[in-house]
Amino acid sequence: MALSVWLSLLSPVVALLVAFWGFRRSTRADRLRAFFDLHERYLSAEVRAGRRLLHQRVAGRSAEELAELDRDSLDRIGYTLAVLNSIAIACAGGYVDRRMVRRSMGRSYAGVIAAARPYIDRVEALRGFRPYPFAESLAGQLREGAHVESRD
């Protein structure tokens, strides 16, 4: 009888431990899968072209110079910044491990957002609100994290 009591007490504990371990494992796997999906989008040809445009045609330019950009360039830039904002939203929501983002694309990400600042300022002046707030916030955190990580 002692064995049956012991088993009846132990089996729920084992079930809880297995469920908790399985949940943690699936959460990690889901976060890793989400990271790879976002990383693939970050490295896609469209986003790379938009990042290149931001560095070549936007960084350090005035609002007047940005007004001369063609519609195709503006569309590419907008798409790129939307992808960067979605990466930041995924980080803020905990769907992606922020440390992996920082280590794999942190410096590049922060550099792109810094290059996009004149464009973002211009859009804010035209629309009355600052677009891509999550991307700007994450870029600041990644810049700060790069200093911390380099000391580790």
C-alpha atoms as a PDB file:
ATOM      1  CA  MET A   1       0.000   0.000   0.000  1.00  0.00           C
ATOM      2  CA  ALA A   2       2.847   2.381   0.675  1.00  0.00           C
ATOM      3  CA  LEU A   3       4.033   1.895  -2.891  1.00  0.00           C
ATOM      4  CA  SER A   4       0.651   2.870  -4.366  1.00  0.00           C
ATOM      5  CA  VAL A   5       0.492   5.998  -2.180  1.00  0.00           C
ATOM      6  CA  TRP A   6       4.025   6.911  -3.142  1.00  0.00           C
ATOM      7  CA  LEU A   7       3.219   6.435  -6.852  1.00  0.00           C
ATOM      8  CA  SER A   8       0.009   8.458  -6.576  1.00  0.00           C
ATOM      9  CA  LEU A   9       1.940  11.341  -5.047  1.00  0.00           C
ATOM     10  CA  LEU A  10       4.928  11.097  -7.353  1.00  0.00           C
ATOM     11  CA  SER A  11       3.132  10.744 -10.692  1.00  0.00           C
ATOM     12  CA  PRO A  12       1.552  14.250 -10.670  1.00  0.00           C
ATOM     13  CA  VAL A  13       4.926  15.762  -9.792  1.00  0.00           C
ATOM     14  CA  VAL A  14       6.593  13.899 -12.655  1.00  0.00           C
ATOM     15  CA  ALA A  15       3.779  14.954 -15.006  1.00  0.00           C
ATOM     16  CA  LEU A  16       4.243  18.603 -14.011  1.00  0.00           C
ATOM     17  CA  LEU A  17       8.001  18.404 -14.482  1.00  0.00           C
ATOM     18  CA  VAL A  18       7.627  16.820 -17.927  1.00  0.00           C
ATOM     19  CA  ALA A  19       5.026  19.431 -18.947  1.00  0.00           C
ATOM     20  CA  PHE A  20       7.205  22.292 -17.694  1.00  0.00           C
ATOM     21  CA  TRP A  21      10.327  20.924 -19.415  1.00  0.00           C
ATOM     22  CA  GLY A  22       8.394  20.389 -22.644  1.00  0.00           C
ATOM     23  CA  PHE A  23       6.933  23.892 -22.481  1.00  0.00           C
ATOM     24  CA  ARG A  24      10.334  25.481 -21.924  1.00  0.00           C
ATOM     25  CA  ARG A  25      11.838  23.427 -24.709  1.00  0.00           C
ATOM     26  CA  SER A  26       9.086  24.325 -27.170  1.00  0.00           C
ATOM     27  CA  THR A  27       9.310  27.987 -26.185  1.00  0.00           C
ATOM     28  CA  ARG A  28      13.050  27.984 -26.861  1.00  0.00           C
ATOM     29  CA  ALA A  29      12.529  26.191 -30.146  1.00  0.00           C
ATOM     30  CA  ASP A  30       9.779  28.627 -31.117  1.00  0.00           C
ATOM     31  CA  ARG A  31      11.980  31.599 -30.259  1.00  0.00           C
ATOM     32  CA  LEU A  32      14.833  30.138 -32.281  1.00  0.00           C
ATOM     33  CA  ARG A  33      12.548  29.485 -35.247  1.00  0.00           C
ATOM     34  CA  ALA A  34      11.200  33.047 -35.027  1.00  0.00           C
ATOM     35  CA  PHE A  35      14.751  34.390 -34.907  1.00  0.00           C
ATOM     36  CA  PHE A  36      15.737  32.501 -38.052  1.00  0.00           C
ATOM     37  CA  ASP A  37      12.598  33.681 -39.843  1.00  0.00           C
ATOM     38  CA  LEU A  38      13.354  37.307 -38.958  1.00  0.00           C
ATOM     39  CA  HIS A  39      17.026  36.891 -39.787  1.00  0.00           C
ATOM     40  CA  GLU A  40      16.098  35.508 -43.197  1.00  0.00           C
ATOM     41  CA  ARG A  41      13.871  38.529 -43.809  1.00  0.00           C
ATOM     42  CA  TYR A  42      16.679  40.850 -42.682  1.00  0.00           C
ATOM     43  CA  LEU A  43      19.039  39.231 -45.204  1.00  0.00           C
ATOM     44  CA  SER A  44      16.536  39.127 -48.067  1.00  0.00           C
ATOM     45  CA  ALA A  45      17.429  40.904 -51.303  1.00  0.00           C
ATOM     46  CA  GLU A  46      14.682  43.520 -50.871  1.00  0.00           C
ATOM     47  CA  VAL A  47      15.781  44.490 -47.369  1.00  0.00           C
ATOM     48  CA  ARG A  48      19.468  44.507 -48.340  1.00  0.00           C
ATOM     49  CA  ALA A  49      18.649  46.860 -51.223  1.00  0.00           C
ATOM     50  CA  GLY A  50      16.717  49.118 -48.856  1.00  0.00           C
ATOM     51  CA  ARG A  51      19.552  49.128 -46.322  1.00  0.00           C
ATOM     52  CA  ARG A  52      21.979  50.046 -49.096  1.00  0.00           C
ATOM     53  CA  LEU A  53      19.714  52.933 -50.162  1.00  0.00           C
ATOM     54  CA  LEU A  54      19.514  54.176 -46.590  1.00  0.00           C
ATOM     55  CA  HIS A  55      23.290  54.297 -46.311  1.00  0.00           C
ATOM     56  CA  GLN A  56      23.913  55.735 -49.780  1.00  0.00           C
ATOM     57  CA  ARG A  57      21.015  58.106 -50.377  1.00  0.00           C
ATOM     58  CA  VAL A  58      19.553  59.002 -46.973  1.00  0.00           C
ATOM     59  CA  ALA A  59      22.309  59.169 -44.361  1.00  0.00           C
ATOM     60  CA  GLY A  60      23.385  62.748 -43.758  1.00  0.00           C
ATOM     61  CA  ARG A  61      20.963  64.244 -46.301  1.00  0.00           C
ATOM     62  CA  SER A  62      18.674  67.222 -45.829  1.00  0.00           C
ATOM     63  CA  ALA A  63      14.881  67.120 -46.080  1.00  0.00           C
ATOM     64  CA  GLU A  64      15.089  68.855 -49.475  1.00  0.00           C
ATOM     65  CA  GLU A  65      17.415  66.170 -50.814  1.00  0.00           C
ATOM     66  CA  LEU A  66      15.137  63.447 -49.481  1.00  0.00           C
ATOM     67  CA  ALA A  67      12.160  65.044 -51.247  1.00  0.00           C
ATOM     68  CA  GLU A  68      13.912  64.304 -54.552  1.00  0.00           C
ATOM     69  CA  LEU A  69      13.981  60.530 -53.976  1.00  0.00           C
ATOM     70  CA  ASP A  70      11.968  58.543 -56.507  1.00  0.00           C
ATOM     71  CA  ARG A  71       8.893  56.524 -55.498  1.00  0.00           C
ATOM     72  CA  ASP A  72      10.670  53.167 -55.923  1.00  0.00           C
ATOM     73  CA  SER A  73      13.461  54.183 -53.532  1.00  0.00           C
ATOM     74  CA  LEU A  74      10.938  55.448 -50.987  1.00  0.00           C
ATOM     75  CA  ASP A  75       9.019  52.172 -51.218  1.00  0.00           C
ATOM     76  CA  ARG A  76      12.187  50.121 -50.688  1.00  0.00           C
ATOM     77  CA  ILE A  77      13.224  52.280 -47.747  1.00  0.00           C
ATOM     78  CA  GLY A  78       9.752  52.046 -46.196  1.00  0.00           C
ATOM     79  CA  TYR A  79       9.690  48.265 -46.580  1.00  0.00           C
ATOM     80  CA  THR A  80      13.133  47.929 -45.030  1.00  0.00           C
ATOM     81  CA  LEU A  81      12.181  50.057 -42.046  1.00  0.00           C
ATOM     82  CA  ALA A  82       8.940  48.108 -41.621  1.00  0.00           C
ATOM     83  CA  VAL A  83      10.933  44.863 -41.457  1.00  0.00           C
ATOM     84  CA  LEU A  84      13.303  46.413 -38.899  1.00  0.00           C
ATOM     85  CA  ASN A  85      10.309  47.583 -36.881  1.00  0.00           C
ATOM     86  CA  SER A  86       8.810  44.072 -36.949  1.00  0.00           C
ATOM     87  CA  ILE A  87      12.108  42.630 -35.672  1.00  0.00           C
ATOM     88  CA  ALA A  88      12.002  45.156 -32.833  1.00  0.00           C
ATOM     89  CA  ILE A  89       8.382  44.308 -32.024  1.00  0.00           C
ATOM     90  CA  ALA A  90       9.290  40.610 -31.878  1.00  0.00           C
ATOM     91  CA  CYS A  91      12.132  41.434 -29.467  1.00  0.00           C
ATOM     92  CA  ALA A  92       9.897  43.645 -27.317  1.00  0.00           C
ATOM     93  CA  GLY A  93       7.253  40.919 -27.145  1.00  0.00           C
ATOM     94  CA  GLY A  94       9.794  38.287 -26.124  1.00  0.00           C
ATOM     95  CA  TYR A  95       9.211  36.186 -29.248  1.00  0.00           C
ATOM     96  CA  VAL A  96      12.886  36.468 -30.218  1.00  0.00           C
ATOM     97  CA  ASP A  97      15.967  36.341 -28.030  1.00  0.00           C
ATOM     98  CA  ARG A  98      17.343  39.893 -27.994  1.00  0.00           C
ATOM     99  CA  ARG A  99      20.883  38.631 -27.313  1.00  0.00           C
ATOM    100  CA  MET A 100      20.848  36.624 -30.532  1.00  0.00           C
ATOM    101  CA  VAL A 101      19.659  39.673 -32.449  1.00  0.00           C
ATOM    102  CA  ARG A 102      22.400  41.783 -30.857  1.00  0.00           C
ATOM    103  CA  ARG A 103      25.120  39.263 -31.669  1.00  0.00           C
ATOM    104  CA  SER A 104      24.042  38.482 -35.220  1.00  0.00           C
ATOM    105  CA  MET A 105      22.811  41.804 -36.568  1.00  0.00           C
ATOM    106  CA  GLY A 106      23.063  44.366 -33.775  1.00  0.00           C
ATOM    107  CA  ARG A 107      25.758  46.618 -35.184  1.00  0.00           C
ATOM    108  CA  SER A 108      24.273  46.538 -38.689  1.00  0.00           C
ATOM    109  CA  TYR A 109      20.749  47.121 -37.358  1.00  0.00           C
ATOM    110  CA  ALA A 110      21.785  50.116 -35.262  1.00  0.00           C
ATOM    111  CA  GLY A 111      23.766  51.538 -38.196  1.00  0.00           C
ATOM    112  CA  VAL A 112      20.792  51.283 -40.535  1.00  0.00           C
ATOM    113  CA  ILE A 113      18.517  53.075 -38.081  1.00  0.00           C
ATOM    114  CA  ALA A 114      21.147  55.791 -37.608  1.00  0.00           C
ATOM    115  CA  ALA A 115      21.364  56.170 -41.400  1.00  0.00           C
ATOM    116  CA  ALA A 116      17.552  56.337 -41.610  1.00  0.00           C
ATOM    117  CA  ARG A 117      17.236  59.156 -39.078  1.00  0.00           C
ATOM    118  CA  PRO A 118      16.866  61.944 -41.715  1.00  0.00           C
ATOM    119  CA  TYR A 119      14.133  59.949 -43.456  1.00  0.00           C
ATOM    120  CA  ILE A 120      12.330  59.223 -40.183  1.00  0.00           C
ATOM    121  CA  ASP A 121      12.575  62.909 -39.216  1.00  0.00           C
ATOM    122  CA  ARG A 122      11.099  63.917 -42.582  1.00  0.00           C
ATOM    123  CA  VAL A 123       8.216  61.460 -42.271  1.00  0.00           C
ATOM    124  CA  GLU A 124       7.533  62.752 -38.767  1.00  0.00           C
ATOM    125  CA  ALA A 125       7.420  66.330 -40.072  1.00  0.00           C
ATOM    126  CA  LEU A 126       5.009  65.322 -42.863  1.00  0.00           C
ATOM    127  CA  ARG A 127       2.699  63.033 -40.874  1.00  0.00           C
ATOM    128  CA  GLY A 128       2.911  64.469 -37.385  1.00  0.00           C
ATOM    129  CA  PHE A 129       4.097  61.306 -35.652  1.00  0.00           C
ATOM    130  CA  ARG A 130       7.359  59.420 -35.418  1.00  0.00           C
ATOM    131  CA  PRO A 131       7.207  56.179 -37.432  1.00  0.00           C
ATOM    132  CA  TYR A 132       9.099  53.022 -36.500  1.00  0.00           C
ATOM    133  CA  PRO A 133       9.354  53.734 -32.743  1.00  0.00           C
ATOM    134  CA  PHE A 134      10.174  50.138 -31.869  1.00  0.00           C
ATOM    135  CA  ALA A 135      13.038  50.044 -34.367  1.00  0.00           C
ATOM    136  CA  GLU A 136      14.560  53.232 -32.969  1.00  0.00           C
ATOM    137  CA  SER A 137      14.217  51.974 -29.409  1.00  0.00           C
ATOM    138  CA  LEU A 138      15.814  48.620 -30.224  1.00  0.00           C
ATOM    139  CA  ALA A 139      18.654  50.329 -32.099  1.00  0.00           C
ATOM    140  CA  GLY A 140      19.430  52.382 -28.987  1.00  0.00           C
ATOM    141  CA  GLN A 141      19.391  49.272 -26.830  1.00  0.00           C
ATOM    142  CA  LEU A 142      21.623  47.419 -29.276  1.00  0.00           C
ATOM    143  CA  ARG A 143      24.135  50.273 -29.294  1.00  0.00           C
ATOM    144  CA  GLU A 144      24.193  50.254 -25.485  1.00  0.00           C
ATOM    145  CA  GLY A 145      24.401  46.441 -25.404  1.00  0.00           C
ATOM    146  CA  ALA A 146      27.338  46.429 -27.807  1.00  0.00           C
ATOM    147  CA  HIS A 147      29.392  48.385 -25.290  1.00  0.00           C
ATOM    148  CA  VAL A 148      28.436  46.009 -22.485  1.00  0.00           C
ATOM    149  CA  GLU A 149      29.067  42.917 -24.608  1.00  0.00           C
ATOM    150  CA  SER A 150      32.500  44.101 -25.751  1.00  0.00           C
ATOM    151  CA  ARG A 151      33.590  44.217 -22.102  1.00  0.00           C
ATOM    152  CA  ASP A 152      32.406  40.647 -21.419  1.00  0.00           C
END
